[in-house]
Amino acid sequence: MRGEIWLADVLRALEVAETDEARVKAARMLGFAPAAVAEHSAPPPGPSRSADDPFPRPFPDPAAGPGDEPHGTPDTPGEAPESEDVLAGLPLLRPVRGDQGPDEEAARRPPVEPLARPSGEYRPPPYEPLFVPRWTDAVIRALVARPVPEGPVDLDALIDALARCRPVTALPRLPVPTLRHGVQVLVDRGAGMQPFRRDQDELLRRVRAVVGPALVEVGYFSDAPQRGTGPGPRWTRTAYRPPQPGRRVLVLSDLGLGGPPGHQRRGTREEWTDFACLVRRAGCGAVALTPYARDRWANWMPRVLPLVGWDRTTRPGHVGTGRA
């Protein structure tokens, strides 16, 4: 702020103050030395104040002529004449720190030393998959294997048939899991599964290694398979079609649990129910892997699709092998 404005404030304060002590206090509040104020503490000459005129008139009446002098011009020896600048000895206030510009403020700050460069080559931390690595292959076999009656002879079933006098045209056998029917892996690329894309790619690689690349059919979708599924980018996807009868369907999805708060495209209960019915009518069995905790699952999810937690607590024995 310019010094003239500060000086005008001092003049107004000195004129309003009634005593010398009040004038000194007012000057100190405005940042001026008391000595300079005491020298000129007497109010400027002018008409006397009245009850009807609360504002002082320290200056001559503008209506007076150029040769007229105001009434009561001081002529006492020792007083400063009007021509003398009574404000010449008053110091100007310095601007406070908050009034400084950004450049001047930055110049006052101590210099900031840059961080030291890393001593060696940066190496990202090792990748930690959601499944325990030594159990991953066994979990995959339990998920995608299909039971077939090709095991040892089922003696209990054979004895029961003979006891009921039923003809035995073929020996009953115990079911054993097999991977020869292959698997269809549906990978959800929606917003809810975006943090787990590396886990999806790694698990898909492990599925191909366990089952065989020729028996693995891959389809990508976003939020719900019925909205478009295919092996390529989103604009190349078409309506979902189940695989051939007997092939497993492994779904890597959150079933609408994840995604940002305002996500409007998340999969709904009706869409997943229709998907499960479509897979069953095709003679296939489906199972879903979800990376979200069990306490976040909705009540309808395990009833619509068999769910398996995709985390480090899952063991091969947690996955049932007798699913249809």
C-alpha atoms as a PDB file:
ATOM      1  CA  MET A   1       0.000   0.000   0.000  1.00  0.00           C
ATOM      2  CA  ARG A   2       1.324   3.498  -0.837  1.00  0.00           C
ATOM      3  CA  GLY A   3       2.699   5.691   1.954  1.00  0.00           C
ATOM      4  CA  GLU A   4       0.297   8.600   1.181  1.00  0.00           C
ATOM      5  CA  ILE A   5      -2.658   6.479   2.234  1.00  0.00           C
ATOM      6  CA  TRP A   6      -1.013   5.620   5.544  1.00  0.00           C
ATOM      7  CA  LEU A   7      -0.238   9.308   6.201  1.00  0.00           C
ATOM      8  CA  ALA A   8      -3.824  10.258   5.481  1.00  0.00           C
ATOM      9  CA  ASP A   9      -4.938   7.730   8.058  1.00  0.00           C
ATOM     10  CA  VAL A  10      -2.612   9.336  10.623  1.00  0.00           C
ATOM     11  CA  LEU A  11      -3.993  12.808   9.906  1.00  0.00           C
ATOM     12  CA  ARG A  12      -7.559  11.603  10.328  1.00  0.00           C
ATOM     13  CA  ALA A  13      -6.663   9.865  13.604  1.00  0.00           C
ATOM     14  CA  LEU A  14      -4.875  12.948  14.980  1.00  0.00           C
ATOM     15  CA  GLU A  15      -7.805  15.171  14.128  1.00  0.00           C
ATOM     16  CA  VAL A  16     -10.391  12.928  15.753  1.00  0.00           C
ATOM     17  CA  ALA A  17      -8.340  12.345  18.934  1.00  0.00           C
ATOM     18  CA  GLU A  18      -9.231  14.699  21.779  1.00  0.00           C
ATOM     19  CA  THR A  19      -6.002  14.631  23.831  1.00  0.00           C
ATOM     20  CA  ASP A  20      -2.290  14.359  23.177  1.00  0.00           C
ATOM     21  CA  GLU A  21      -2.181  10.957  24.860  1.00  0.00           C
ATOM     22  CA  ALA A  22      -4.889   9.661  22.533  1.00  0.00           C
ATOM     23  CA  ARG A  23      -3.012  11.044  19.533  1.00  0.00           C
ATOM     24  CA  VAL A  24       0.209   9.286  20.595  1.00  0.00           C
ATOM     25  CA  LYS A  25      -1.626   5.965  21.040  1.00  0.00           C
ATOM     26  CA  ALA A  26      -3.278   6.339  17.630  1.00  0.00           C
ATOM     27  CA  ALA A  27       0.064   7.058  15.986  1.00  0.00           C
ATOM     28  CA  ARG A  28       1.655   4.042  17.623  1.00  0.00           C
ATOM     29  CA  MET A  29      -1.191   1.825  16.423  1.00  0.00           C
ATOM     30  CA  LEU A  30      -0.565   3.025  12.874  1.00  0.00           C
ATOM     31  CA  GLY A  31       3.189   2.384  13.128  1.00  0.00           C
ATOM     32  CA  PHE A  32       4.527   5.928  13.460  1.00  0.00           C
ATOM     33  CA  ALA A  33       7.057   7.199  15.992  1.00  0.00           C
ATOM     34  CA  PRO A  34       5.511   9.118  18.924  1.00  0.00           C
ATOM     35  CA  ALA A  35       8.171  11.846  18.693  1.00  0.00           C
ATOM     36  CA  ALA A  36       7.047  12.877  15.246  1.00  0.00           C
ATOM     37  CA  VAL A  37       3.456  12.922  16.385  1.00  0.00           C
ATOM     38  CA  ALA A  38       4.144  14.936  19.531  1.00  0.00           C
ATOM     39  CA  GLU A  39       5.820  17.649  17.486  1.00  0.00           C
ATOM     40  CA  HIS A  40       2.649  18.098  15.445  1.00  0.00           C
ATOM     41  CA  SER A  41       0.069  16.928  17.962  1.00  0.00           C
ATOM     42  CA  ALA A  42      -1.870  20.154  17.900  1.00  0.00           C
ATOM     43  CA  PRO A  43      -4.813  19.959  15.528  1.00  0.00           C
ATOM     44  CA  PRO A  44      -4.608  22.018  12.351  1.00  0.00           C
ATOM     45  CA  PRO A  45      -6.270  25.412  12.489  1.00  0.00           C
ATOM     46  CA  GLY A  46      -9.817  25.647  11.335  1.00  0.00           C
ATOM     47  CA  PRO A  47     -13.324  26.403  12.397  1.00  0.00           C
ATOM     48  CA  SER A  48     -14.374  25.138  15.783  1.00  0.00           C
ATOM     49  CA  ARG A  49     -16.447  21.961  15.942  1.00  0.00           C
ATOM     50  CA  SER A  50     -20.036  22.068  16.996  1.00  0.00           C
ATOM     51  CA  ALA A  51     -22.578  19.461  18.030  1.00  0.00           C
ATOM     52  CA  ASP A  52     -24.228  19.709  14.612  1.00  0.00           C
ATOM     53  CA  ASP A  53     -20.930  19.273  12.769  1.00  0.00           C
ATOM     54  CA  PRO A  54     -19.210  16.020  13.903  1.00  0.00           C
ATOM     55  CA  PHE A  55     -16.523  16.084  11.191  1.00  0.00           C
ATOM     56  CA  PRO A  56     -13.539  18.431  11.538  1.00  0.00           C
ATOM     57  CA  ARG A  57     -12.646  20.893   8.839  1.00  0.00           C
ATOM     58  CA  PRO A  58      -8.844  21.228   8.969  1.00  0.00           C
ATOM     59  CA  PHE A  59      -8.591  22.834   5.528  1.00  0.00           C
ATOM     60  CA  PRO A  60      -9.748  26.183   4.209  1.00  0.00           C
ATOM     61  CA  ASP A  61     -13.209  26.537   2.862  1.00  0.00           C
ATOM     62  CA  PRO A  62     -13.107  25.797  -0.856  1.00  0.00           C
ATOM     63  CA  ALA A  63     -15.733  28.500  -1.432  1.00  0.00           C
ATOM     64  CA  ALA A  64     -13.310  31.199  -0.196  1.00  0.00           C
ATOM     65  CA  GLY A  65     -11.408  33.292  -2.688  1.00  0.00           C
ATOM     66  CA  PRO A  66      -7.740  32.796  -3.560  1.00  0.00           C
ATOM     67  CA  GLY A  67      -6.716  35.822  -1.452  1.00  0.00           C
ATOM     68  CA  ASP A  68      -8.771  34.932   1.590  1.00  0.00           C
ATOM     69  CA  GLU A  69      -7.143  33.351   4.610  1.00  0.00           C
ATOM     70  CA  PRO A  70      -8.970  30.986   6.927  1.00  0.00           C
ATOM     71  CA  HIS A  71     -10.198  32.296  10.221  1.00  0.00           C
ATOM     72  CA  GLY A  72      -7.830  31.662  13.107  1.00  0.00           C
ATOM     73  CA  THR A  73      -4.573  31.208  11.159  1.00  0.00           C
ATOM     74  CA  PRO A  74      -1.863  30.575  13.758  1.00  0.00           C
ATOM     75  CA  ASP A  75       0.750  33.237  14.038  1.00  0.00           C
ATOM     76  CA  THR A  76       2.267  32.101  17.321  1.00  0.00           C
ATOM     77  CA  PRO A  77       6.055  31.942  17.235  1.00  0.00           C
ATOM     78  CA  GLY A  78       7.435  28.386  17.224  1.00  0.00           C
ATOM     79  CA  GLU A  79       4.540  26.865  15.296  1.00  0.00           C
ATOM     80  CA  ALA A  80       5.191  25.541  11.830  1.00  0.00           C
ATOM     81  CA  PRO A  81       3.803  27.644   8.992  1.00  0.00           C
ATOM     82  CA  GLU A  82       1.318  26.105   6.618  1.00  0.00           C
ATOM     83  CA  SER A  83       3.841  25.957   3.800  1.00  0.00           C
ATOM     84  CA  GLU A  84       6.103  23.590   5.751  1.00  0.00           C
ATOM     85  CA  ASP A  85       5.567  19.843   5.130  1.00  0.00           C
ATOM     86  CA  VAL A  86       4.738  18.540   8.570  1.00  0.00           C
ATOM     87  CA  LEU A  87       4.849  14.901   7.343  1.00  0.00           C
ATOM     88  CA  ALA A  88       8.392  14.987   6.030  1.00  0.00           C
ATOM     89  CA  GLY A  89       9.857  13.457   9.185  1.00  0.00           C
ATOM     90  CA  LEU A  90       7.383  10.591   9.512  1.00  0.00           C
ATOM     91  CA  PRO A  91       8.727   7.161   8.509  1.00  0.00           C
ATOM     92  CA  LEU A  92       6.893   4.992   5.979  1.00  0.00           C
ATOM     93  CA  LEU A  93       5.633   1.585   6.982  1.00  0.00           C
ATOM     94  CA  ARG A  94       7.270  -1.483   5.503  1.00  0.00           C
ATOM     95  CA  PRO A  95       4.991  -4.068   3.865  1.00  0.00           C
ATOM     96  CA  VAL A  96       4.401  -7.197   5.902  1.00  0.00           C
ATOM     97  CA  ARG A  97       5.423 -10.636   4.685  1.00  0.00           C
ATOM     98  CA  GLY A  98       1.923 -11.534   3.539  1.00  0.00           C
ATOM     99  CA  ASP A  99       1.885  -8.627   1.030  1.00  0.00           C
ATOM    100  CA  GLN A 100       4.915  -9.941  -0.822  1.00  0.00           C
ATOM    101  CA  GLY A 101       4.538 -11.412  -4.262  1.00  0.00           C
ATOM    102  CA  PRO A 102       5.157 -15.083  -5.054  1.00  0.00           C
ATOM    103  CA  ASP A 103       8.586 -14.394  -6.538  1.00  0.00           C
ATOM    104  CA  GLU A 104       9.796 -12.413  -3.538  1.00  0.00           C
ATOM    105  CA  GLU A 105       8.322 -14.991  -1.158  1.00  0.00           C
ATOM    106  CA  ALA A 106      10.110 -17.805  -2.990  1.00  0.00           C
ATOM    107  CA  ALA A 107      13.380 -15.857  -2.851  1.00  0.00           C
ATOM    108  CA  ARG A 108      13.192 -15.766   0.951  1.00  0.00           C
ATOM    109  CA  ARG A 109      12.811 -19.531   1.280  1.00  0.00           C
ATOM    110  CA  PRO A 110      15.900 -21.645   1.870  1.00  0.00           C
ATOM    111  CA  PRO A 111      16.990 -23.702  -1.126  1.00  0.00           C
ATOM    112  CA  VAL A 112      15.689 -27.269  -1.303  1.00  0.00           C
ATOM    113  CA  GLU A 113      18.224 -29.950  -2.015  1.00  0.00           C
ATOM    114  CA  PRO A 114      17.100 -32.551  -4.594  1.00  0.00           C
ATOM    115  CA  LEU A 115      16.788 -36.178  -3.591  1.00  0.00           C
ATOM    116  CA  ALA A 116      19.775 -38.365  -4.190  1.00  0.00           C
ATOM    117  CA  ARG A 117      19.636 -40.580  -7.258  1.00  0.00           C
ATOM    118  CA  PRO A 118      19.265 -44.314  -6.611  1.00  0.00           C
ATOM    119  CA  SER A 119      22.608 -46.006  -6.320  1.00  0.00           C
ATOM    120  CA  GLY A 120      21.688 -48.999  -8.484  1.00  0.00           C
ATOM    121  CA  GLU A 121      19.231 -49.977 -11.184  1.00  0.00           C
ATOM    122  CA  TYR A 122      15.587 -49.887 -10.067  1.00  0.00           C
ATOM    123  CA  ARG A 123      13.949 -53.276  -9.851  1.00  0.00           C
ATOM    124  CA  PRO A 124      10.223 -53.570  -9.190  1.00  0.00           C
ATOM    125  CA  PRO A 125       9.178 -55.898  -6.385  1.00  0.00           C
ATOM    126  CA  PRO A 126       8.502 -59.499  -7.424  1.00  0.00           C
ATOM    127  CA  TYR A 127       4.999 -60.340  -8.544  1.00  0.00           C
ATOM    128  CA  GLU A 128       2.890 -62.086  -5.897  1.00  0.00           C
ATOM    129  CA  PRO A 129      -0.079 -63.960  -7.438  1.00  0.00           C
ATOM    130  CA  LEU A 130      -3.375 -64.294  -5.612  1.00  0.00           C
ATOM    131  CA  PHE A 131      -3.062 -68.079  -5.319  1.00  0.00           C
ATOM    132  CA  VAL A 132      -0.197 -69.735  -3.458  1.00  0.00           C
ATOM    133  CA  PRO A 133       2.162 -70.692  -6.338  1.00  0.00           C
ATOM    134  CA  ARG A 134       2.748 -74.285  -5.222  1.00  0.00           C
ATOM    135  CA  TRP A 135      -1.007 -74.899  -5.035  1.00  0.00           C
ATOM    136  CA  THR A 136      -2.049 -73.081  -8.214  1.00  0.00           C
ATOM    137  CA  ASP A 137      -1.913 -76.075 -10.577  1.00  0.00           C
ATOM    138  CA  ALA A 138      -3.850 -78.284  -8.167  1.00  0.00           C
ATOM    139  CA  VAL A 139      -6.503 -75.595  -7.690  1.00  0.00           C
ATOM    140  CA  ILE A 140      -6.855 -75.214 -11.473  1.00  0.00           C
ATOM    141  CA  ARG A 141      -7.337 -78.976 -11.918  1.00  0.00           C
ATOM    142  CA  ALA A 142     -10.008 -79.001  -9.233  1.00  0.00           C
ATOM    143  CA  LEU A 143     -11.784 -76.057 -10.893  1.00  0.00           C
ATOM    144  CA  VAL A 144     -11.863 -77.200 -14.515  1.00  0.00           C
ATOM    145  CA  ALA A 145     -11.820 -81.008 -14.278  1.00  0.00           C
ATOM    146  CA  ARG A 146     -15.013 -82.862 -15.099  1.00  0.00           C
ATOM    147  CA  PRO A 147     -15.854 -86.195 -13.382  1.00  0.00           C
ATOM    148  CA  VAL A 148     -16.354 -89.169 -15.709  1.00  0.00           C
ATOM    149  CA  PRO A 149     -17.259 -92.789 -14.740  1.00  0.00           C
ATOM    150  CA  GLU A 150     -13.940 -94.289 -15.821  1.00  0.00           C
ATOM    151  CA  GLY A 151     -12.336 -95.211 -12.509  1.00  0.00           C
ATOM    152  CA  PRO A 152     -12.158 -98.555 -10.668  1.00  0.00           C
ATOM    153  CA  VAL A 153     -15.209-100.790 -10.499  1.00  0.00           C
ATOM    154  CA  ASP A 154     -17.814 -99.497  -8.091  1.00  0.00           C
ATOM    155  CA  LEU A 155     -18.238-102.593  -5.958  1.00  0.00           C
ATOM    156  CA  ASP A 156     -21.012-101.120  -3.836  1.00  0.00           C
ATOM    157  CA  ALA A 157     -23.112-100.328  -6.916  1.00  0.00           C
ATOM    158  CA  LEU A 158     -22.379-103.756  -8.436  1.00  0.00           C
ATOM    159  CA  ILE A 159     -23.397-105.658  -5.274  1.00  0.00           C
ATOM    160  CA  ASP A 160     -26.552-103.572  -4.940  1.00  0.00           C
ATOM    161  CA  ALA A 161     -27.536-104.378  -8.534  1.00  0.00           C
ATOM    162  CA  LEU A 162     -26.942-108.125  -8.042  1.00  0.00           C
ATOM    163  CA  ALA A 163     -28.864-108.132  -4.760  1.00  0.00           C
ATOM    164  CA  ARG A 164     -31.854-106.590  -6.539  1.00  0.00           C
ATOM    165  CA  CYS A 165     -31.614-109.186  -9.330  1.00  0.00           C
ATOM    166  CA  ARG A 166     -30.989-106.545 -11.942  1.00  0.00           C
ATOM    167  CA  PRO A 167     -29.144-107.455 -15.113  1.00  0.00           C
ATOM    168  CA  VAL A 168     -25.568-106.137 -15.251  1.00  0.00           C
ATOM    169  CA  THR A 169     -24.888-105.042 -18.800  1.00  0.00           C
ATOM    170  CA  ALA A 170     -21.851-102.901 -17.883  1.00  0.00           C
ATOM    171  CA  LEU A 171     -19.652-102.722 -14.875  1.00  0.00           C
ATOM    172  CA  PRO A 172     -20.329 -99.576 -12.813  1.00  0.00           C
ATOM    173  CA  ARG A 173     -17.202 -97.532 -12.258  1.00  0.00           C
ATOM    174  CA  LEU A 174     -16.211 -94.812  -9.840  1.00  0.00           C
ATOM    175  CA  PRO A 175     -15.973 -91.247 -11.183  1.00  0.00           C
ATOM    176  CA  VAL A 176     -12.540 -89.736 -11.814  1.00  0.00           C
ATOM    177  CA  PRO A 177     -11.752 -86.156 -12.859  1.00  0.00           C
ATOM    178  CA  THR A 178     -10.495 -85.508 -16.367  1.00  0.00           C
ATOM    179  CA  LEU A 179      -9.339 -82.452 -18.292  1.00  0.00           C
ATOM    180  CA  ARG A 180      -9.895 -83.824 -21.798  1.00  0.00           C
ATOM    181  CA  HIS A 181     -13.141 -81.878 -22.260  1.00  0.00           C
ATOM    182  CA  GLY A 182     -11.254 -78.600 -21.997  1.00  0.00           C
ATOM    183  CA  VAL A 183     -12.363 -75.319 -20.493  1.00  0.00           C
ATOM    184  CA  GLN A 184     -13.798 -72.009 -21.580  1.00  0.00           C
ATOM    185  CA  VAL A 185     -12.222 -69.137 -19.624  1.00  0.00           C
ATOM    186  CA  LEU A 186     -14.256 -65.908 -19.511  1.00  0.00           C
ATOM    187  CA  VAL A 187     -12.142 -62.935 -18.443  1.00  0.00           C
ATOM    188  CA  ASP A 188     -13.945 -59.863 -17.098  1.00  0.00           C
ATOM    189  CA  ARG A 189     -12.239 -56.652 -18.272  1.00  0.00           C
ATOM    190  CA  GLY A 190     -14.719 -54.336 -16.531  1.00  0.00           C
ATOM    191  CA  ALA A 191     -13.829 -51.542 -14.129  1.00  0.00           C
ATOM    192  CA  GLY A 192     -14.260 -53.753 -11.072  1.00  0.00           C
ATOM    193  CA  MET A 193     -11.544 -56.168 -12.239  1.00  0.00           C
ATOM    194  CA  GLN A 194      -9.096 -53.559 -13.492  1.00  0.00           C
ATOM    195  CA  PRO A 195      -6.774 -53.896 -10.434  1.00  0.00           C
ATOM    196  CA  PHE A 196      -6.488 -57.653 -11.106  1.00  0.00           C
ATOM    197  CA  ARG A 197      -5.621 -57.713 -14.806  1.00  0.00           C
ATOM    198  CA  ARG A 198      -2.117 -59.006 -14.216  1.00  0.00           C
ATOM    199  CA  ASP A 199      -3.556 -61.774 -12.039  1.00  0.00           C
ATOM    200  CA  GLN A 200      -6.022 -62.653 -14.793  1.00  0.00           C
ATOM    201  CA  ASP A 201      -3.281 -62.883 -17.402  1.00  0.00           C
ATOM    202  CA  GLU A 202      -1.054 -64.953 -15.124  1.00  0.00           C
ATOM    203  CA  LEU A 203      -3.852 -67.376 -14.209  1.00  0.00           C
ATOM    204  CA  LEU A 204      -4.809 -67.733 -17.867  1.00  0.00           C
ATOM    205  CA  ARG A 205      -1.217 -68.666 -18.640  1.00  0.00           C
ATOM    206  CA  ARG A 206      -1.275 -71.303 -15.895  1.00  0.00           C
ATOM    207  CA  VAL A 207      -4.591 -72.716 -17.185  1.00  0.00           C
ATOM    208  CA  ARG A 208      -3.094 -73.173 -20.655  1.00  0.00           C
ATOM    209  CA  ALA A 209      -0.083 -74.912 -19.127  1.00  0.00           C
ATOM    210  CA  VAL A 210      -2.222 -77.312 -17.067  1.00  0.00           C
ATOM    211  CA  VAL A 211      -5.043 -78.101 -19.510  1.00  0.00           C
ATOM    212  CA  GLY A 212      -3.242 -77.609 -22.810  1.00  0.00           C
ATOM    213  CA  PRO A 213      -3.476 -74.638 -25.214  1.00  0.00           C
ATOM    214  CA  ALA A 214      -5.645 -76.567 -27.702  1.00  0.00           C
ATOM    215  CA  LEU A 215      -8.308 -77.267 -25.058  1.00  0.00           C
ATOM    216  CA  VAL A 216      -8.549 -73.704 -23.689  1.00  0.00           C
ATOM    217  CA  GLU A 217     -11.103 -71.341 -25.200  1.00  0.00           C
ATOM    218  CA  VAL A 218     -10.744 -67.702 -24.080  1.00  0.00           C
ATOM    219  CA  GLY A 219     -13.401 -65.000 -24.181  1.00  0.00           C
ATOM    220  CA  TYR A 220     -13.149 -61.436 -22.902  1.00  0.00           C
ATOM    221  CA  PHE A 221     -16.129 -59.367 -21.746  1.00  0.00           C
ATOM    222  CA  SER A 222     -16.897 -56.287 -19.678  1.00  0.00           C
ATOM    223  CA  ASP A 223     -19.153 -56.536 -16.595  1.00  0.00           C
ATOM    224  CA  ALA A 224     -21.510 -59.196 -18.060  1.00  0.00           C
ATOM    225  CA  PRO A 225     -20.908 -61.849 -20.783  1.00  0.00           C
ATOM    226  CA  GLN A 226     -24.248 -61.193 -22.536  1.00  0.00           C
ATOM    227  CA  ARG A 227     -23.131 -57.681 -23.453  1.00  0.00           C
ATOM    228  CA  GLY A 228     -20.493 -59.060 -25.782  1.00  0.00           C
ATOM    229  CA  THR A 229     -17.817 -61.747 -25.519  1.00  0.00           C
ATOM    230  CA  GLY A 230     -14.916 -62.557 -27.801  1.00  0.00           C
ATOM    231  CA  PRO A 231     -11.193 -63.245 -27.990  1.00  0.00           C
ATOM    232  CA  GLY A 232     -10.336 -59.777 -29.274  1.00  0.00           C
ATOM    233  CA  PRO A 233     -10.929 -56.097 -28.472  1.00  0.00           C
ATOM    234  CA  ARG A 234     -14.294 -54.821 -27.305  1.00  0.00           C
ATOM    235  CA  TRP A 235     -15.509 -53.649 -30.726  1.00  0.00           C
ATOM    236  CA  THR A 236     -15.033 -57.169 -32.135  1.00  0.00           C
ATOM    237  CA  ARG A 237     -17.092 -58.997 -29.486  1.00  0.00           C
ATOM    238  CA  THR A 238     -20.437 -60.589 -30.208  1.00  0.00           C
ATOM    239  CA  ALA A 239     -23.247 -62.171 -28.205  1.00  0.00           C
ATOM    240  CA  TYR A 240     -22.103 -64.864 -25.804  1.00  0.00           C
ATOM    241  CA  ARG A 241     -22.385 -68.490 -26.902  1.00  0.00           C
ATOM    242  CA  PRO A 242     -21.787 -71.401 -24.506  1.00  0.00           C
ATOM    243  CA  PRO A 243     -19.100 -73.965 -25.373  1.00  0.00           C
ATOM    244  CA  GLN A 244     -19.712 -77.513 -26.529  1.00  0.00           C
ATOM    245  CA  PRO A 245     -21.510 -79.811 -24.043  1.00  0.00           C
ATOM    246  CA  GLY A 246     -19.327 -81.188 -21.281  1.00  0.00           C
ATOM    247  CA  ARG A 247     -16.791 -78.309 -21.308  1.00  0.00           C
ATOM    248  CA  ARG A 248     -16.207 -76.348 -18.114  1.00  0.00           C
ATOM    249  CA  VAL A 249     -16.751 -72.586 -17.960  1.00  0.00           C
ATOM    250  CA  LEU A 250     -14.355 -70.701 -15.661  1.00  0.00           C
ATOM    251  CA  VAL A 251     -15.368 -67.085 -15.022  1.00  0.00           C
ATOM    252  CA  LEU A 252     -12.799 -64.579 -13.692  1.00  0.00           C
ATOM    253  CA  SER A 253     -15.063 -61.774 -12.487  1.00  0.00           C
ATOM    254  CA  ASP A 254     -16.291 -59.780  -9.485  1.00  0.00           C
ATOM    255  CA  LEU A 255     -19.982 -60.296 -10.431  1.00  0.00           C
ATOM    256  CA  GLY A 256     -20.598 -56.560 -10.013  1.00  0.00           C
ATOM    257  CA  LEU A 257     -18.937 -56.103  -6.608  1.00  0.00           C
ATOM    258  CA  GLY A 258     -16.078 -53.813  -7.593  1.00  0.00           C
ATOM    259  CA  GLY A 259     -15.637 -50.642  -9.607  1.00  0.00           C
ATOM    260  CA  PRO A 260     -15.802 -46.939  -8.736  1.00  0.00           C
ATOM    261  CA  PRO A 261     -18.780 -45.591  -6.745  1.00  0.00           C
ATOM    262  CA  GLY A 262     -20.434 -44.086  -9.810  1.00  0.00           C
ATOM    263  CA  HIS A 263     -19.935 -47.120 -12.032  1.00  0.00           C
ATOM    264  CA  GLN A 264     -23.212 -47.600 -13.932  1.00  0.00           C
ATOM    265  CA  ARG A 265     -22.232 -50.591 -16.087  1.00  0.00           C
ATOM    266  CA  ARG A 266     -21.642 -53.146 -13.335  1.00  0.00           C
ATOM    267  CA  GLY A 267     -23.213 -56.560 -13.880  1.00  0.00           C
ATOM    268  CA  THR A 268     -26.624 -57.139 -12.313  1.00  0.00           C
ATOM    269  CA  ARG A 269     -28.209 -60.123 -10.599  1.00  0.00           C
ATOM    270  CA  GLU A 270     -30.599 -60.676 -13.508  1.00  0.00           C
ATOM    271  CA  GLU A 271     -27.770 -60.779 -16.056  1.00  0.00           C
ATOM    272  CA  TRP A 272     -25.768 -63.332 -14.093  1.00  0.00           C
ATOM    273  CA  THR A 273     -28.844 -65.452 -13.476  1.00  0.00           C
ATOM    274  CA  ASP A 274     -29.564 -65.535 -17.215  1.00  0.00           C
ATOM    275  CA  PHE A 275     -25.925 -66.436 -17.889  1.00  0.00           C
ATOM    276  CA  ALA A 276     -26.001 -69.363 -15.425  1.00  0.00           C
ATOM    277  CA  CYS A 277     -29.222 -70.702 -16.957  1.00  0.00           C
ATOM    278  CA  LEU A 278     -27.777 -70.415 -20.452  1.00  0.00           C
ATOM    279  CA  VAL A 279     -24.700 -72.444 -19.457  1.00  0.00           C
ATOM    280  CA  ARG A 280     -26.766 -75.167 -17.765  1.00  0.00           C
ATOM    281  CA  ARG A 281     -29.062 -75.560 -20.774  1.00  0.00           C
ATOM    282  CA  ALA A 282     -25.957 -76.092 -22.933  1.00  0.00           C
ATOM    283  CA  GLY A 283     -24.908 -79.056 -20.760  1.00  0.00           C
ATOM    284  CA  CYS A 284     -21.920 -77.298 -19.237  1.00  0.00           C
ATOM    285  CA  GLY A 285     -20.868 -76.505 -15.680  1.00  0.00           C
ATOM    286  CA  ALA A 286     -19.678 -73.035 -14.606  1.00  0.00           C
ATOM    287  CA  VAL A 287     -17.644 -71.793 -11.641  1.00  0.00           C
ATOM    288  CA  ALA A 288     -16.579 -68.224 -10.844  1.00  0.00           C
ATOM    289  CA  LEU A 289     -13.341 -67.001  -9.296  1.00  0.00           C
ATOM    290  CA  THR A 290     -13.701 -63.669  -7.466  1.00  0.00           C
ATOM    291  CA  PRO A 291     -10.870 -61.767  -5.736  1.00  0.00           C
ATOM    292  CA  TYR A 292     -13.189 -60.005  -3.284  1.00  0.00           C
ATOM    293  CA  ALA A 293     -13.577 -61.226   0.292  1.00  0.00           C
ATOM    294  CA  ARG A 294     -16.344 -63.627   1.191  1.00  0.00           C
ATOM    295  CA  ASP A 295     -18.006 -61.158   3.569  1.00  0.00           C
ATOM    296  CA  ARG A 296     -18.651 -58.869   0.589  1.00  0.00           C
ATOM    297  CA  TRP A 297     -20.535 -61.449  -1.436  1.00  0.00           C
ATOM    298  CA  ALA A 298     -24.240 -60.853  -1.896  1.00  0.00           C
ATOM    299  CA  ASN A 299     -26.581 -63.629  -0.785  1.00  0.00           C
ATOM    300  CA  TRP A 300     -27.703 -64.370  -4.331  1.00  0.00           C
ATOM    301  CA  MET A 301     -24.204 -64.892  -5.771  1.00  0.00           C
ATOM    302  CA  PRO A 302     -23.460 -68.419  -4.424  1.00  0.00           C
ATOM    303  CA  ARG A 303     -26.978 -69.497  -5.364  1.00  0.00           C
ATOM    304  CA  VAL A 304     -26.583 -68.366  -8.973  1.00  0.00           C
ATOM    305  CA  LEU A 305     -23.011 -69.542  -9.601  1.00  0.00           C
ATOM    306  CA  PRO A 306     -20.582 -71.651  -7.586  1.00  0.00           C
ATOM    307  CA  LEU A 307     -18.083 -69.139  -6.161  1.00  0.00           C
ATOM    308  CA  VAL A 308     -14.476 -69.730  -5.157  1.00  0.00           C
ATOM    309  CA  GLY A 309     -12.390 -67.127  -3.360  1.00  0.00           C
ATOM    310  CA  TRP A 310      -9.407 -66.009  -5.389  1.00  0.00           C
ATOM    311  CA  ASP A 311      -6.881 -65.440  -2.616  1.00  0.00           C
ATOM    312  CA  ARG A 312      -4.128 -67.130  -0.616  1.00  0.00           C
ATOM    313  CA  THR A 313      -6.527 -68.927   1.694  1.00  0.00           C
ATOM    314  CA  THR A 314      -7.883 -71.166  -1.083  1.00  0.00           C
ATOM    315  CA  ARG A 315      -6.603 -74.760  -1.091  1.00  0.00           C
ATOM    316  CA  PRO A 316      -7.266 -77.533  -3.624  1.00  0.00           C
ATOM    317  CA  GLY A 317      -9.472 -79.306  -1.088  1.00  0.00           C
ATOM    318  CA  HIS A 318     -11.727 -76.234  -0.853  1.00  0.00           C
ATOM    319  CA  VAL A 319     -12.852 -76.754  -4.465  1.00  0.00           C
ATOM    320  CA  GLY A 320     -15.414 -79.563  -4.883  1.00  0.00           C
ATOM    321  CA  THR A 321     -14.762 -82.054  -7.670  1.00  0.00           C
ATOM    322  CA  GLY A 322     -18.246 -83.539  -7.817  1.00  0.00           C
ATOM    323  CA  ARG A 323     -19.954 -80.655  -9.595  1.00  0.00           C
ATOM    324  CA  ALA A 324     -22.181 -81.502 -12.565  1.00  0.00           C
END
